[in-house]
C-alpha atoms as a PDB file:
ATOM      1  CA  MET A   1      -7.714  16.607  23.807  1.00  0.00           C
ATOM      2  CA  TYR A   2      -8.585  15.998  19.674  1.00  0.00           C
ATOM      3  CA  LYS A   3     -11.544  17.550  17.345  1.00  0.00           C
ATOM      4  CA  ILE A   4     -11.489  14.354  14.838  1.00  0.00           C
ATOM      5  CA  GLY A   5     -10.160  17.794  12.151  1.00  0.00           C
ATOM      6  CA  GLU A   6      -7.392  17.972  14.476  1.00  0.00           C
ATOM      7  CA  LEU A   7      -6.475  14.141  14.992  1.00  0.00           C
ATOM      8  CA  SER A   8      -6.777  14.227  11.005  1.00  0.00           C
ATOM      9  CA  GLN A   9      -3.821  17.531  10.760  1.00  0.00           C
ATOM     10  CA  ALA A  10      -1.582  15.926  13.715  1.00  0.00           C
ATOM     11  CA  SER A  11      -1.858  11.988  12.700  1.00  0.00           C
ATOM     12  CA  GLY A  12      -1.491  12.950   8.594  1.00  0.00           C
ATOM     13  CA  ILE A  13      -5.189  10.495   8.135  1.00  0.00           C
ATOM     14  CA  SER A  14      -7.891  11.567   6.435  1.00  0.00           C
ATOM     15  CA  ARG A  15     -11.367  13.048   8.959  1.00  0.00           C
ATOM     16  CA  GLU A  16     -13.173   9.841   6.667  1.00  0.00           C
ATOM     17  CA  THR A  17     -10.316   7.362   6.948  1.00  0.00           C
ATOM     18  CA  ILE A  18     -10.679   7.688  10.907  1.00  0.00           C
ATOM     19  CA  ARG A  19     -14.130   7.219  10.708  1.00  0.00           C
ATOM     20  CA  TYR A  20     -13.597   4.270   9.051  1.00  0.00           C
ATOM     21  CA  TYR A  21     -11.156   3.221  11.170  1.00  0.00           C
ATOM     22  CA  GLU A  22     -13.547   3.415  13.729  1.00  0.00           C
ATOM     23  CA  SER A  23     -16.187   1.920  12.036  1.00  0.00           C
ATOM     24  CA  VAL A  24     -14.252  -1.526  11.762  1.00  0.00           C
ATOM     25  CA  GLY A  25     -13.338  -1.623  14.628  1.00  0.00           C
ATOM     26  CA  ILE A  26     -10.018  -0.584  14.261  1.00  0.00           C
ATOM     27  CA  MET A  27     -10.228   2.283  16.083  1.00  0.00           C
ATOM     28  CA  PRO A  28     -12.195   2.484  19.359  1.00  0.00           C
ATOM     29  CA  PRO A  29     -15.240   4.460  19.104  1.00  0.00           C
ATOM     30  CA  ALA A  30     -14.420   8.370  20.593  1.00  0.00           C
ATOM     31  CA  PRO A  31     -16.320   9.653  23.035  1.00  0.00           C
ATOM     32  CA  ARG A  32     -18.491  12.637  21.379  1.00  0.00           C
ATOM     33  CA  ALA A  33     -18.332  16.288  23.935  1.00  0.00           C
ATOM     34  CA  SER A  34     -21.900  17.337  24.528  1.00  0.00           C
ATOM     35  CA  ASN A  35     -21.896  19.617  20.576  1.00  0.00           C
ATOM     36  CA  GLY A  36     -21.740  15.111  19.721  1.00  0.00           C
ATOM     37  CA  TYR A  37     -17.904  16.180  18.690  1.00  0.00           C
ATOM     38  CA  ARG A  38     -16.010  12.955  18.491  1.00  0.00           C
ATOM     39  CA  ILE A  39     -13.031  14.084  21.052  1.00  0.00           C
ATOM     40  CA  TYR A  40      -9.932  12.138  21.131  1.00  0.00           C
ATOM     41  CA  ASN A  41      -7.019  11.716  22.901  1.00  0.00           C
ATOM     42  CA  ASP A  42      -3.029  11.867  22.517  1.00  0.00           C
ATOM     43  CA  ALA A  43      -3.249   7.572  22.943  1.00  0.00           C
ATOM     44  CA  ASP A  44      -5.641   7.747  19.602  1.00  0.00           C
ATOM     45  CA  LEU A  45      -3.383  10.340  17.755  1.00  0.00           C
ATOM     46  CA  GLU A  46      -0.262   7.563  19.147  1.00  0.00           C
ATOM     47  CA  ARG A  47      -2.768   4.391  17.343  1.00  0.00           C
ATOM     48  CA  LEU A  48      -3.452   6.074  14.279  1.00  0.00           C
ATOM     49  CA  LYS A  49       0.582   7.123  14.128  1.00  0.00           C
ATOM     50  CA  PHE A  50       1.167   3.109  14.243  1.00  0.00           C
ATOM     51  CA  ILE A  51      -1.622   1.874  11.936  1.00  0.00           C
ATOM     52  CA  LYS A  52      -0.288   4.647   9.433  1.00  0.00           C
ATOM     53  CA  LYS A  53       3.095   3.192   9.756  1.00  0.00           C
ATOM     54  CA  ALA A  54       1.476  -0.307   9.272  1.00  0.00           C
ATOM     55  CA  ARG A  55       0.155   0.625   6.419  1.00  0.00           C
ATOM     56  CA  LEU A  56       2.862   2.079   4.749  1.00  0.00           C
ATOM     57  CA  LEU A  57       4.729  -1.453   5.336  1.00  0.00           C
ATOM     58  CA  GLY A  58       2.190  -3.734   4.012  1.00  0.00           C
ATOM     59  CA  PHE A  59       0.291  -4.736   5.825  1.00  0.00           C
ATOM     60  CA  SER A  60      -3.583  -5.336   5.708  1.00  0.00           C
ATOM     61  CA  LEU A  61      -6.526  -3.360   8.413  1.00  0.00           C
ATOM     62  CA  LYS A  62      -7.381  -7.150   9.711  1.00  0.00           C
ATOM     63  CA  ASP A  63      -3.379  -7.495  10.903  1.00  0.00           C
ATOM     64  CA  ILE A  64      -2.888  -4.675  12.175  1.00  0.00           C
ATOM     65  CA  VAL A  65      -5.767  -5.394  14.144  1.00  0.00           C
ATOM     66  CA  LEU A  66      -4.286  -8.292  15.112  1.00  0.00           C
ATOM     67  CA  MET A  67      -0.708  -6.322  15.773  1.00  0.00           C
ATOM     68  CA  LEU A  68      -2.993  -4.344  18.040  1.00  0.00           C
ATOM     69  CA  ASP A  69      -5.387  -6.410  19.666  1.00  0.00           C
ATOM     70  CA  ASP A  70      -3.609  -7.341  22.866  1.00  0.00           C
ATOM     71  CA  ASP A  71      -6.331 -10.023  23.863  1.00  0.00           C
ATOM     72  CA  SER A  72      -5.508 -11.752  21.219  1.00  0.00           C
ATOM     73  CA  VAL A  73      -4.682 -15.709  22.050  1.00  0.00           C
ATOM     74  CA  GLU A  74      -1.910 -17.561  18.858  1.00  0.00           C
ATOM     75  CA  THR A  75      -0.257 -20.390  19.201  1.00  0.00           C
ATOM     76  CA  MET A  76       2.772 -18.458  17.255  1.00  0.00           C
ATOM     77  CA  PRO A  77       3.700 -15.465  19.118  1.00  0.00           C
ATOM     78  CA  ILE A  78       1.975 -11.941  17.513  1.00  0.00           C
ATOM     79  CA  CYS A  79       6.219 -10.864  16.929  1.00  0.00           C
ATOM     80  CA  GLU A  80       7.104 -13.690  14.297  1.00  0.00           C
ATOM     81  CA  GLN A  81       4.216 -13.190  12.526  1.00  0.00           C
ATOM     82  CA  VAL A  82       4.828  -9.768  11.969  1.00  0.00           C
ATOM     83  CA  LEU A  83       8.244 -10.463  11.440  1.00  0.00           C
ATOM     84  CA  SER A  84       7.023 -13.122   8.874  1.00  0.00           C
ATOM     85  CA  GLN A  85       4.836 -10.905   6.926  1.00  0.00           C
ATOM     86  CA  LEU A  86       7.677  -8.495   6.713  1.00  0.00           C
ATOM     87  CA  ALA A  87       9.813 -10.946   5.348  1.00  0.00           C
ATOM     88  CA  HIS A  88       7.501 -11.484   2.971  1.00  0.00           C
ATOM     89  CA  GLN A  89       6.702  -8.361   2.091  1.00  0.00           C
ATOM     90  CA  ALA A  90      10.645  -7.783   1.763  1.00  0.00           C
ATOM     91  CA  GLU A  91      10.657 -10.492  -1.098  1.00  0.00           C
ATOM     92  CA  MET A  92       7.469  -8.714  -3.085  1.00  0.00           C
ATOM     93  CA  ILE A  93       8.518  -5.246  -2.534  1.00  0.00           C
ATOM     94  CA  LEU A  94      12.126  -7.421  -4.800  1.00  0.00           C
ATOM     95  CA  MET A  95       9.818  -9.191  -6.834  1.00  0.00           C
ATOM     96  CA  ARG A  96       8.371  -5.934  -7.803  1.00  0.00           C
ATOM     97  CA  ILE A  97      12.205  -3.933  -8.466  1.00  0.00           C
ATOM     98  CA  HIS A  98      12.648  -6.447 -10.554  1.00  0.00           C
ATOM     99  CA  TYR A  99       9.460  -6.019 -12.505  1.00  0.00           C
ATOM    100  CA  LEU A 100      10.091  -2.186 -12.312  1.00  0.00           C
ATOM    101  CA  GLN A 101      13.650  -2.924 -14.000  1.00  0.00           C
ATOM    102  CA  SER A 102      12.584  -5.121 -16.802  1.00  0.00           C
ATOM    103  CA  LEU A 103      10.479  -2.440 -17.232  1.00  0.00           C
ATOM    104  CA  HIS A 104      12.265   0.092 -16.766  1.00  0.00           C
ATOM    105  CA  ASN A 105      14.628  -0.863 -19.881  1.00  0.00           C
ATOM    106  CA  GLN A 106      12.241  -2.325 -22.615  1.00  0.00           C
ATOM    107  CA  ILE A 107      10.200   2.031 -22.028  1.00  0.00           C
ATOM    108  CA  GLN A 108      13.944   2.786 -22.688  1.00  0.00           C
ATOM    109  CA  ASN A 109      14.385   0.482 -25.562  1.00  0.00           C
ATOM    110  CA  ILE A 110      10.501   1.578 -27.235  1.00  0.00           C
ATOM    111  CA  ILE A 111      11.921   5.257 -26.381  1.00  0.00           C
ATOM    112  CA  LYS A 112      15.440   4.507 -28.423  1.00  0.00           C
ATOM    113  CA  LYS A 113      14.132   2.775 -31.906  1.00  0.00           C
ATOM    114  CA  GLY A 114      11.411   5.656 -31.615  1.00  0.00           C
ATOM    115  CA  GLN A 115      13.357   8.263 -32.071  1.00  0.00           C
ATOM    116  CA  GLN A 116      14.752   6.532 -35.196  1.00  0.00           C
ATOM    117  CA  LEU A 117      11.380   5.789 -36.927  1.00  0.00           C
ATOM    118  CA  PRO A 118       9.421   7.821 -39.119  1.00  0.00           C
ATOM    119  CA  ILE A 119       6.634   9.045 -39.499  1.00  0.00           C
ATOM    120  CA  ASP A 120       4.724   6.222 -40.247  1.00  0.00           C
ATOM    121  CA  VAL A 121       1.001   7.318 -41.348  1.00  0.00           C
ATOM    122  CA  ASN A 122       0.150   3.626 -42.241  1.00  0.00           C
ATOM    123  CA  MET A 123       0.882   2.674 -38.928  1.00  0.00           C
ATOM    124  CA  LYS A 124       3.151  -0.388 -39.237  1.00  0.00           C
ATOM    125  CA  ASP A 125       6.642   1.181 -38.667  1.00  0.00           C
ATOM    126  CA  CYS A 126       5.345   2.960 -35.120  1.00  0.00           C
ATOM    127  CA  VAL A 127       6.241   3.573 -31.480  1.00  0.00           C
ATOM    128  CA  CYS A 128       2.526   1.199 -31.234  1.00  0.00           C
ATOM    129  CA  GLY A 129       3.920  -1.506 -32.798  1.00  0.00           C
ATOM    130  CA  LEU A 130       7.617  -1.499 -30.648  1.00  0.00           C
ATOM    131  CA  ILE A 131       4.270  -1.492 -28.223  1.00  0.00           C
ATOM    132  CA  LYS A 132       2.927  -4.983 -29.907  1.00  0.00           C
ATOM    133  CA  GLN A 133       6.314  -6.386 -30.236  1.00  0.00           C
ATOM    134  CA  ILE A 134       7.043  -6.867 -26.342  1.00  0.00           C
ATOM    135  CA  GLU A 135       7.663 -10.326 -25.365  1.00  0.00           C
ATOM    136  CA  LEU A 136       7.459 -10.485 -21.822  1.00  0.00           C
ATOM    137  CA  LYS A 137       8.765 -13.527 -20.285  1.00  0.00           C
ATOM    138  CA  GLU A 138       7.151 -15.267 -17.582  1.00  0.00           C
ATOM    139  CA  ASN A 139       9.165 -14.846 -14.440  1.00  0.00           C
ATOM    140  CA  GLU A 140       9.825 -11.125 -15.268  1.00  0.00           C
ATOM    141  CA  VAL A 141       6.233 -10.600 -15.271  1.00  0.00           C
ATOM    142  CA  TYR A 142       4.840  -9.003 -11.438  1.00  0.00           C
ATOM    143  CA  ASP A 143       1.851 -10.013 -10.833  1.00  0.00           C
ATOM    144  CA  GLU A 144      -0.104  -8.187  -7.974  1.00  0.00           C
ATOM    145  CA  ARG A 145      -2.486 -11.033  -7.158  1.00  0.00           C
ATOM    146  CA  ILE A 146       0.568 -11.971  -5.354  1.00  0.00           C
ATOM    147  CA  ALA A 147       1.868  -9.099  -3.759  1.00  0.00           C
ATOM    148  CA  GLN A 148      -1.699  -8.493  -2.442  1.00  0.00           C
ATOM    149  CA  ASN A 149      -2.275 -11.486  -1.220  1.00  0.00           C
ATOM    150  CA  PRO A 150       1.210 -13.680   0.643  1.00  0.00           C
END
């Protein structure tokens, strides 16, 4: 049996987040001890660990609820949905890697050029001027909205 602080420490999830998960139904309501403290068991700990791992893989709480809901009836089996979402997440990660590599190259170029610039009090030939000159190609821009809304 765990109190919320012990569960938080064992799972690596904050007390506030555990309470939030209970309030939105991703965690079942915890029974209370006579002193009013929430009491959790090993199954609750395992559920929290699963939720944490699924969140790290990019699943939303809504997705996780479906994974944890044994009674859900879907047209496509849940494992196929999860695989599909994982494939989409992998694609988004590759897009993000491409974007970050492009951004890294541009930053390295600015650093290299910036180190060769004379001190310019008029701010025409300075590092800020180099930043203004950057041209991002449309396909190089990573759109956070795409990654957040698969």
